[in-house]
Amino acid sequence: MKSEVFNGQRFWTYFKYDLTQMWRNHVKAAILIGFSGLILYILGIAFNAVFDQVWAAPGFGSRVAVFFVACFALELYQTRTYGYLTNRKKGASWLMLPASSFEKWLSMILMTLVIIPVAFLATYAIIDAILAAVDPTYGQLLIGAAKTAIAHAQQSLAEANGEYSTTWNLGVMAAPAIIGYICNFLYFLLCGISFKRNKILWAFIILFVFSVAFSTVMTMMGLQTDYYEINELSEAEALIRSVIRWSTLASGVLAVGLACGIFYRIKTLKH
């Protein structure tokens, strides 16, 4: 007897269907975001050829800026990947698909946190490598620059570990940022399946209200707390370690809460 919550064969069938639909419905956006590095390259070559009469690729700083803009656009686009669920006709058809709410939720989470980011990074890196191979003016690969930055960071941490009493680890320090990106993807996904119209606008309105409320509470707490003076280096290290630990914990709790909110929305979705 098949489980009503999760069945491996049923999930795999639905996941393949979900992947196919994702590509069919969002191929244009995928090309625009994933190929943004190539678009910048073409525009940069054309601009330099017309105005400076030289063949020159865009500068490294411009390429890095466009990459982060593409990452941000990818986060915002999560409001549209499953945004059709709020449409009465398409949402009702999705509810009728032969898969449990948990299986649909699991497929949605895997698509949002694994398939889409990995496909984006792989596409961006491959295009970056091809352009660097065919054009001598292109400059350093983005992935090469990232490896260099990581190596420098690890070296700096190794030196700090030899000088200070606290042992610093790059993975521990990067954890809040990584979990923060996960929260961003899940948050915009939740907004996409919760609001029928103006999904991005409502997402930013909620963020603004939350930021104002959080800042107000923290300010009031700070005014009611005695000034904390740091006299020893060890106290500063302990404070930084505490901030990183609590930031990681808060981000993790928020990510779990957002994932649960997405499941609740799927479970209660009606048309």
Protein backbone atom coordinates (compact mmCIF):
# COMPACT_ATOMS: atom_id res chain seq x y z
CA MET A 1 0.00 0.00 0.00
CA LYS A 2 1.41 3.37 -1.05
CA SER A 3 1.94 5.99 1.61
CA GLU A 4 -0.24 9.07 1.30
CA VAL A 5 2.59 11.27 2.61
CA PHE A 6 5.61 10.14 0.60
CA ASN A 7 6.22 7.53 -2.06
CA GLY A 8 9.58 7.45 -3.85
CA GLN A 9 8.29 6.52 -7.31
CA ARG A 10 5.40 8.98 -7.16
CA PHE A 11 7.71 11.77 -5.96
CA TRP A 12 10.23 11.10 -8.72
CA THR A 13 7.48 11.19 -11.36
CA TYR A 14 6.19 14.49 -10.03
CA PHE A 15 9.70 15.94 -9.66
CA LYS A 16 10.48 15.23 -13.32
CA TYR A 17 7.19 16.86 -14.31
CA ASP A 18 7.96 19.86 -12.07
CA LEU A 19 11.42 20.23 -13.61
CA THR A 20 10.01 20.11 -17.15
CA GLN A 21 7.36 22.70 -16.35
CA MET A 22 9.91 24.95 -14.69
CA TRP A 23 12.03 25.00 -17.84
CA ARG A 24 9.09 25.49 -20.21
CA ASN A 25 7.56 28.34 -18.23
CA HIS A 26 10.74 30.20 -17.32
CA VAL A 27 13.23 29.54 -20.10
CA LYS A 28 13.29 33.21 -21.19
CA ALA A 29 14.01 34.46 -17.70
CA ALA A 30 16.61 31.71 -17.23
CA ILE A 31 18.45 32.84 -20.35
CA LEU A 32 18.25 36.51 -19.40
CA ILE A 33 19.58 35.97 -15.86
CA GLY A 34 22.00 33.12 -16.55
CA PHE A 35 23.43 34.77 -19.68
CA SER A 36 23.69 38.25 -18.14
CA GLY A 37 27.49 37.95 -18.20
CA LEU A 38 27.39 37.30 -21.95
CA ILE A 39 24.98 40.21 -22.45
CA LEU A 40 27.35 42.51 -20.57
CA TYR A 41 30.25 41.25 -22.69
CA ILE A 42 28.44 41.96 -25.98
CA LEU A 43 27.38 45.42 -24.83
CA GLY A 44 30.88 46.20 -23.55
CA ILE A 45 32.56 45.09 -26.76
CA ALA A 46 30.08 47.11 -28.84
CA PHE A 47 30.50 50.22 -26.66
CA ASN A 48 34.32 50.12 -26.80
CA ALA A 49 34.31 49.43 -30.53
CA VAL A 50 31.99 52.35 -31.32
CA PHE A 51 33.32 55.01 -28.95
CA ASP A 52 36.99 54.03 -28.46
CA GLN A 53 37.63 52.06 -31.68
CA VAL A 54 39.23 49.23 -29.70
CA TRP A 55 38.36 45.63 -28.98
CA ALA A 56 38.15 45.42 -25.21
CA ALA A 57 36.01 43.34 -22.88
CA PRO A 58 34.22 44.93 -19.91
CA GLY A 59 36.31 45.51 -16.80
CA PHE A 60 36.50 42.99 -14.00
CA GLY A 61 34.64 45.29 -11.59
CA SER A 62 31.71 45.57 -14.01
CA ARG A 63 31.58 41.81 -14.40
CA VAL A 64 31.49 41.29 -10.63
CA ALA A 65 28.76 43.91 -10.24
CA VAL A 66 26.60 42.29 -12.94
CA PHE A 67 27.07 38.88 -11.32
CA PHE A 68 25.72 40.13 -7.98
CA VAL A 69 22.88 41.94 -9.76
CA ALA A 70 22.02 38.64 -11.47
CA CYS A 71 22.07 36.87 -8.08
CA PHE A 72 19.68 39.46 -6.68
CA ALA A 73 17.42 39.18 -9.73
CA LEU A 74 17.38 35.40 -9.26
CA GLU A 75 16.22 35.86 -5.67
CA LEU A 76 13.42 38.21 -6.73
CA TYR A 77 12.37 35.86 -9.51
CA GLN A 78 11.42 33.22 -6.95
CA THR A 79 8.16 35.15 -6.59
CA ARG A 80 7.33 33.98 -10.12
CA THR A 81 8.64 30.41 -10.27
CA TYR A 82 5.57 29.09 -8.46
CA GLY A 83 3.57 32.29 -8.51
CA TYR A 84 1.03 30.69 -10.82
CA LEU A 85 -0.35 28.75 -7.86
CA THR A 86 -2.37 31.82 -6.88
CA ASN A 87 -4.06 31.76 -10.29
CA ARG A 88 -7.44 30.09 -9.98
CA LYS A 89 -7.19 27.95 -13.11
CA LYS A 90 -3.50 27.00 -12.98
CA GLY A 91 -3.49 26.64 -9.22
CA ALA A 92 -6.52 24.36 -9.27
CA SER A 93 -4.86 22.19 -11.93
CA TRP A 94 -1.71 21.98 -9.79
CA LEU A 95 -3.75 20.86 -6.78
CA MET A 96 -5.16 17.98 -8.84
CA LEU A 97 -1.72 16.55 -9.68
CA PRO A 98 -1.22 13.04 -8.24
CA ALA A 99 1.27 13.86 -5.49
CA SER A 100 0.98 14.58 -1.79
CA SER A 101 1.41 18.03 -0.29
CA PHE A 102 4.72 16.94 1.23
CA GLU A 103 6.01 15.67 -2.11
CA LYS A 104 5.05 18.90 -3.83
CA TRP A 105 6.67 20.89 -1.03
CA LEU A 106 9.86 18.82 -1.19
CA SER A 107 10.08 19.24 -4.96
CA MET A 108 9.54 22.99 -4.55
CA ILE A 109 12.29 23.27 -1.93
CA LEU A 110 14.76 21.22 -3.99
CA MET A 111 13.95 23.27 -7.09
CA THR A 112 14.39 26.56 -5.26
CA LEU A 113 17.45 25.83 -3.13
CA VAL A 114 19.34 23.31 -5.27
CA ILE A 115 18.36 23.05 -8.92
CA ILE A 116 17.90 26.74 -9.74
CA PRO A 117 21.00 28.11 -7.90
CA VAL A 118 23.27 25.29 -9.15
CA ALA A 119 22.04 25.67 -12.74
CA PHE A 120 22.56 29.44 -12.55
CA LEU A 121 26.09 29.19 -11.11
CA ALA A 122 27.09 26.45 -13.57
CA THR A 123 25.76 28.39 -16.56
CA TYR A 124 27.41 31.62 -15.44
CA ALA A 125 30.76 29.88 -14.77
CA ILE A 126 30.77 28.03 -18.12
CA ILE A 127 30.02 31.20 -20.09
CA ASP A 128 32.66 33.09 -18.10
CA ALA A 129 35.25 30.38 -18.89
CA ILE A 130 34.37 30.32 -22.61
CA LEU A 131 34.68 34.09 -22.93
CA ALA A 132 38.02 34.06 -21.09
CA ALA A 133 39.28 31.32 -23.44
CA VAL A 134 38.31 33.06 -26.69
CA ASP A 135 39.11 36.69 -25.78
CA PRO A 136 42.54 37.67 -24.38
CA THR A 137 41.12 41.02 -23.21
CA TYR A 138 38.54 39.35 -20.99
CA GLY A 139 40.74 39.04 -17.92
CA GLN A 140 40.49 36.86 -14.83
CA LEU A 141 37.79 34.26 -14.36
CA LEU A 142 35.24 35.03 -11.66
CA ILE A 143 35.69 31.58 -10.14
CA GLY A 144 39.46 32.14 -10.11
CA ALA A 145 39.01 35.45 -8.31
CA ALA A 146 36.69 33.74 -5.80
CA LYS A 147 39.29 31.03 -5.12
CA THR A 148 41.97 33.69 -4.61
CA ALA A 149 39.74 35.63 -2.22
CA ILE A 150 38.98 32.47 -0.23
CA ALA A 151 42.69 31.60 -0.05
CA HIS A 152 43.54 35.10 1.22
CA ALA A 153 40.73 34.89 3.79
CA GLN A 154 41.96 31.51 5.03
CA GLN A 155 45.51 32.84 5.29
CA SER A 156 44.33 35.88 7.27
CA LEU A 157 42.34 33.64 9.61
CA ALA A 158 45.36 31.37 10.10
CA GLU A 159 47.44 34.39 11.07
CA ALA A 160 44.69 35.56 13.42
CA ASN A 161 44.50 32.13 15.03
CA GLY A 162 48.20 32.32 15.78
CA GLU A 163 47.87 35.77 17.31
CA TYR A 164 44.58 35.61 19.20
CA SER A 165 43.15 33.12 21.65
CA THR A 166 39.93 32.47 19.69
CA THR A 167 40.07 29.95 16.84
CA TRP A 168 38.46 31.40 13.72
CA ASN A 169 37.06 29.27 10.92
CA LEU A 170 36.01 30.51 7.46
CA GLY A 171 33.05 28.12 7.30
CA VAL A 172 31.68 29.31 10.63
CA MET A 173 32.03 32.96 9.61
CA ALA A 174 30.41 32.36 6.21
CA ALA A 175 27.50 30.34 7.61
CA PRO A 176 25.25 33.35 8.41
CA ALA A 177 25.65 34.68 4.86
CA ILE A 178 24.92 31.29 3.26
CA ILE A 179 21.86 30.69 5.41
CA GLY A 180 20.84 34.28 4.72
CA TYR A 181 20.76 33.56 0.98
CA ILE A 182 18.62 30.50 1.69
CA CYS A 183 16.24 32.68 3.70
CA ASN A 184 16.02 35.16 0.82
CA PHE A 185 15.09 32.45 -1.70
CA LEU A 186 12.51 30.93 0.64
CA TYR A 187 11.06 34.32 1.58
CA PHE A 188 10.44 35.43 -2.00
CA LEU A 189 9.07 31.97 -2.83
CA LEU A 190 6.62 32.24 0.06
CA CYS A 191 5.54 35.71 -1.07
CA GLY A 192 5.09 34.38 -4.60
CA ILE A 193 2.64 31.70 -3.54
CA SER A 194 0.87 33.91 -0.98
CA PHE A 195 0.00 37.10 -2.88
CA LYS A 196 -2.06 37.14 -6.04
CA ARG A 197 -0.78 40.47 -7.39
CA ASN A 198 2.19 42.79 -6.86
CA LYS A 199 4.14 39.96 -5.29
CA ILE A 200 7.53 41.73 -5.23
CA LEU A 201 5.98 44.99 -4.00
CA TRP A 202 4.28 43.24 -1.07
CA ALA A 203 7.50 41.37 -0.31
CA PHE A 204 9.41 44.64 0.04
CA ILE A 205 6.61 46.28 2.03
CA ILE A 206 6.75 43.42 4.56
CA LEU A 207 10.54 43.67 4.71
CA PHE A 208 10.33 47.42 5.29
CA VAL A 209 7.76 47.08 8.09
CA PHE A 210 9.75 44.30 9.73
CA SER A 211 12.98 46.31 9.49
CA VAL A 212 11.39 49.38 11.07
CA ALA A 213 9.85 47.32 13.88
CA PHE A 214 13.09 45.41 14.50
CA SER A 215 15.18 48.60 14.55
CA THR A 216 12.74 50.23 16.97
CA VAL A 217 12.82 47.28 19.36
CA MET A 218 16.61 47.03 19.24
CA THR A 219 16.95 50.77 19.85
CA MET A 220 14.63 50.61 22.86
CA MET A 221 16.54 47.64 24.24
CA GLY A 222 19.79 49.50 23.74
CA LEU A 223 18.52 52.57 25.59
CA GLN A 224 17.46 50.41 28.52
CA THR A 225 20.76 48.53 28.68
CA ASP A 226 23.84 49.77 30.47
CA TYR A 227 26.79 50.65 28.25
CA TYR A 228 28.99 47.63 27.71
CA GLU A 229 32.64 48.58 27.74
CA ILE A 230 35.22 46.26 26.25
CA ASN A 231 38.51 46.39 28.13
CA GLU A 232 40.26 43.25 26.92
CA LEU A 233 40.89 41.81 23.46
CA SER A 234 39.51 38.49 24.63
CA GLU A 235 36.20 40.22 25.43
CA ALA A 236 36.01 41.59 21.89
CA GLU A 237 36.72 38.14 20.44
CA ALA A 238 34.03 36.59 22.62
CA LEU A 239 31.56 39.28 21.57
CA ILE A 240 32.25 38.73 17.85
CA ARG A 241 31.98 34.96 18.30
CA SER A 242 28.66 35.41 20.11
CA VAL A 243 27.30 37.68 17.36
CA ILE A 244 28.24 35.14 14.66
CA ARG A 245 26.75 32.25 16.64
CA TRP A 246 23.46 34.02 17.34
CA SER A 247 23.24 35.32 13.76
CA THR A 248 23.66 31.78 12.44
CA LEU A 249 21.07 30.44 14.88
CA ALA A 250 18.56 33.19 14.07
CA SER A 251 19.03 32.69 10.31
CA GLY A 252 18.59 28.94 10.70
CA VAL A 253 15.40 29.35 12.71
CA LEU A 254 14.08 31.83 10.14
CA ALA A 255 14.87 29.44 7.27
CA VAL A 256 13.03 26.60 9.01
CA GLY A 257 10.10 28.92 9.73
CA LEU A 258 9.89 30.03 6.11
CA ALA A 259 10.03 26.40 4.91
CA CYS A 260 7.21 25.53 7.32
CA GLY A 261 5.25 28.54 6.10
CA ILE A 262 5.60 27.34 2.51
CA PHE A 263 4.35 23.89 3.47
CA TYR A 264 1.41 25.39 5.36
CA ARG A 265 0.51 27.51 2.35
CA ILE A 266 0.62 24.47 0.06
CA LYS A 267 -1.42 22.43 2.53
CA THR A 268 -4.13 25.09 2.84
CA LEU A 269 -4.15 26.33 -0.77
CA LYS A 270 -7.68 26.37 -2.17
CA HIS A 271 -9.39 27.87 -5.19
